[in-house]
Every structure is written in structure tokens, then in C-alpha cells.
Protein backbone atom coordinates (compact mmCIF):
# COMPACT_ATOMS: atom_id res chain seq x y z
CA UNK A 1 0.02 0.02 0.01
CA UNK A 2 1.11 3.57 -0.56
CA UNK A 3 2.81 5.49 2.18
CA UNK A 4 1.49 8.59 3.94
CA UNK A 5 4.16 11.20 4.32
CA UNK A 6 4.10 14.62 5.84
CA UNK A 7 7.29 16.31 4.84
CA UNK A 8 8.72 19.30 3.14
CA UNK A 9 9.36 18.56 -0.51
CA UNK A 10 11.46 21.05 -2.53
CA UNK A 11 8.74 21.36 -5.19
CA UNK A 12 5.58 20.90 -3.10
CA UNK A 13 6.34 22.71 0.13
CA UNK A 14 5.00 21.20 3.34
CA UNK A 15 2.05 18.95 2.47
CA UNK A 16 0.36 15.78 3.60
CA UNK A 17 0.44 13.34 0.72
CA UNK A 18 0.30 9.73 -0.36
CA UNK A 19 3.41 8.36 -2.01
CA UNK A 20 5.16 5.18 -3.17
CA UNK A 21 8.48 4.51 -4.83
CA UNK A 22 9.47 2.71 -8.04
CA UNK A 23 12.49 0.79 -6.81
CA UNK A 24 14.08 0.11 -10.20
CA UNK A 25 14.23 3.84 -11.20
CA UNK A 26 14.17 5.48 -7.78
CA UNK A 27 11.26 7.62 -8.81
CA UNK A 28 8.80 8.68 -6.11
CA UNK A 29 5.17 9.25 -7.10
CA UNK A 30 3.26 11.64 -4.82
CA UNK A 31 -0.48 12.44 -4.82
CA UNK A 32 -1.13 15.37 -2.43
CA UNK A 33 -4.74 15.51 -1.30
CA UNK A 34 -4.77 19.35 -1.41
CA UNK A 35 -3.40 19.56 -5.01
CA UNK A 36 -4.89 18.87 -8.44
CA UNK A 37 -2.03 16.87 -9.87
CA UNK A 38 0.36 14.02 -8.93
CA UNK A 39 4.07 14.71 -8.82
CA UNK A 40 7.10 12.64 -9.71
CA UNK A 41 10.52 13.15 -8.21
CA UNK A 42 13.91 11.47 -8.19
CA UNK A 43 13.91 9.92 -4.75
CA UNK A 44 17.65 9.63 -4.48
CA UNK A 45 18.49 13.14 -5.59
CA UNK A 46 15.34 14.85 -4.31
CA UNK A 47 14.74 16.50 -7.65
CA UNK A 48 11.36 17.30 -9.28
CA UNK A 49 10.90 15.35 -12.54
CA UNK A 50 7.30 15.79 -13.75
CA UNK A 51 3.69 16.61 -13.03
CA UNK A 52 0.88 14.19 -13.95
CA UNK A 53 -2.25 16.23 -14.45
CA UNK A 54 -5.75 15.16 -13.61
CA UNK A 55 -5.50 13.75 -10.10
CA UNK A 56 -7.42 16.20 -7.93
CA UNK A 57 -7.70 15.24 -4.25
CA UNK A 58 -5.21 12.39 -4.57
CA UNK A 59 -6.01 9.92 -1.81
CA UNK A 60 -3.43 7.12 -2.44
CA UNK A 61 -0.64 5.99 -4.71
CA UNK A 62 0.29 2.36 -5.11
CA UNK A 63 2.98 0.75 -7.26
CA UNK A 64 1.98 -2.35 -9.16
CA UNK A 65 5.36 -4.00 -8.92
CA UNK A 66 5.03 -6.53 -11.71
CA UNK A 67 3.65 -4.09 -14.27
CA UNK A 68 5.78 -0.93 -13.80
CA UNK A 69 2.51 0.96 -13.32
CA UNK A 70 1.45 3.30 -10.55
CA UNK A 71 -2.20 3.51 -9.44
CA UNK A 72 -3.23 6.97 -8.21
CA UNK A 73 -6.65 7.40 -6.65
CA UNK A 74 -8.37 10.74 -7.39
CA UNK A 75 -11.15 11.54 -4.95
CA UNK A 76 -11.98 14.62 -7.03
CA UNK A 77 -12.85 12.68 -10.21
CA UNK A 78 -13.90 9.28 -8.79
CA UNK A 79 -11.24 7.59 -10.90
CA UNK A 80 -8.03 5.65 -10.46
CA UNK A 81 -5.26 6.74 -12.86
CA UNK A 82 -2.79 4.20 -14.18
CA UNK A 83 0.57 5.91 -14.72
CA UNK A 84 3.47 4.34 -16.59
CA UNK A 85 6.37 4.42 -14.10
CA UNK A 86 9.20 4.94 -16.60
CA UNK A 87 7.34 7.48 -18.85
CA UNK A 88 5.54 9.25 -16.03
CA UNK A 89 2.44 9.56 -18.18
CA UNK A 90 -1.13 8.27 -17.67
CA UNK A 91 -1.97 5.20 -19.75
CA UNK A 92 -5.55 4.76 -18.59
CA UNK A 93 -8.09 5.68 -16.01
CA UNK A 94 -10.84 3.64 -14.41
CA UNK A 95 -14.14 4.99 -13.08
CA UNK A 96 -14.64 3.61 -9.60
CA UNK A 97 -17.27 5.91 -8.13
CA UNK A 98 -17.29 8.80 -5.67
CA UNK A 99 -14.25 9.51 -3.52
CA UNK A 100 -12.02 6.40 -3.90
CA UNK A 101 -9.55 5.79 -1.13
């Protein structure tokens, strides 16, 4: 399951967010509940890499280890986004109903 972190990120400021890491690349995917987008950073260097739009009220991030895909729940849209770990881009979204956690 994704991790809850409350920390100061160089590109997000101090936020409460859900996150998980892609071990092969060292990328960290973060879905802050108070933001509209998910963020990707280099976990080893602490550098911002990319923004994944369309994840308002992110409530969790989970890495599907066998598929190199991150799942990001968006409470604001009632969808779960599937994000390609290496490209950092959405590949699909799934309607799951109001306020997925």
C-alpha cells in the first residue's frame, strides 16, 4: 500500500500526501490531497521530474510491482489513474465511483 508522508518537498512545500516509490528507477510518485495533480521526483536526488495532471484530491498511490505501473486514486474525479512508471504519463483511468480511497 502507498505510504503517507508529511514532509517538506522542494517542489511541493509542506504537504500531507500519499506516495510510493518505483524501486528500479528510484522515482517517487506523490499524490497530495490538497493539490490537483500528482508529482514525480527522483527519490535519491530529491529533484522534481514531472507533473501528472488530472489527479485532484489524490488519496493514495500504489505501485503495481510486476507491471511498472502506478495507481493513483483521485477523490476529485472518482477515478483511479494508471501511470506508466518509466514514462511518467497516464496510460488509462478507471471509473470507480465517488471518493475512492
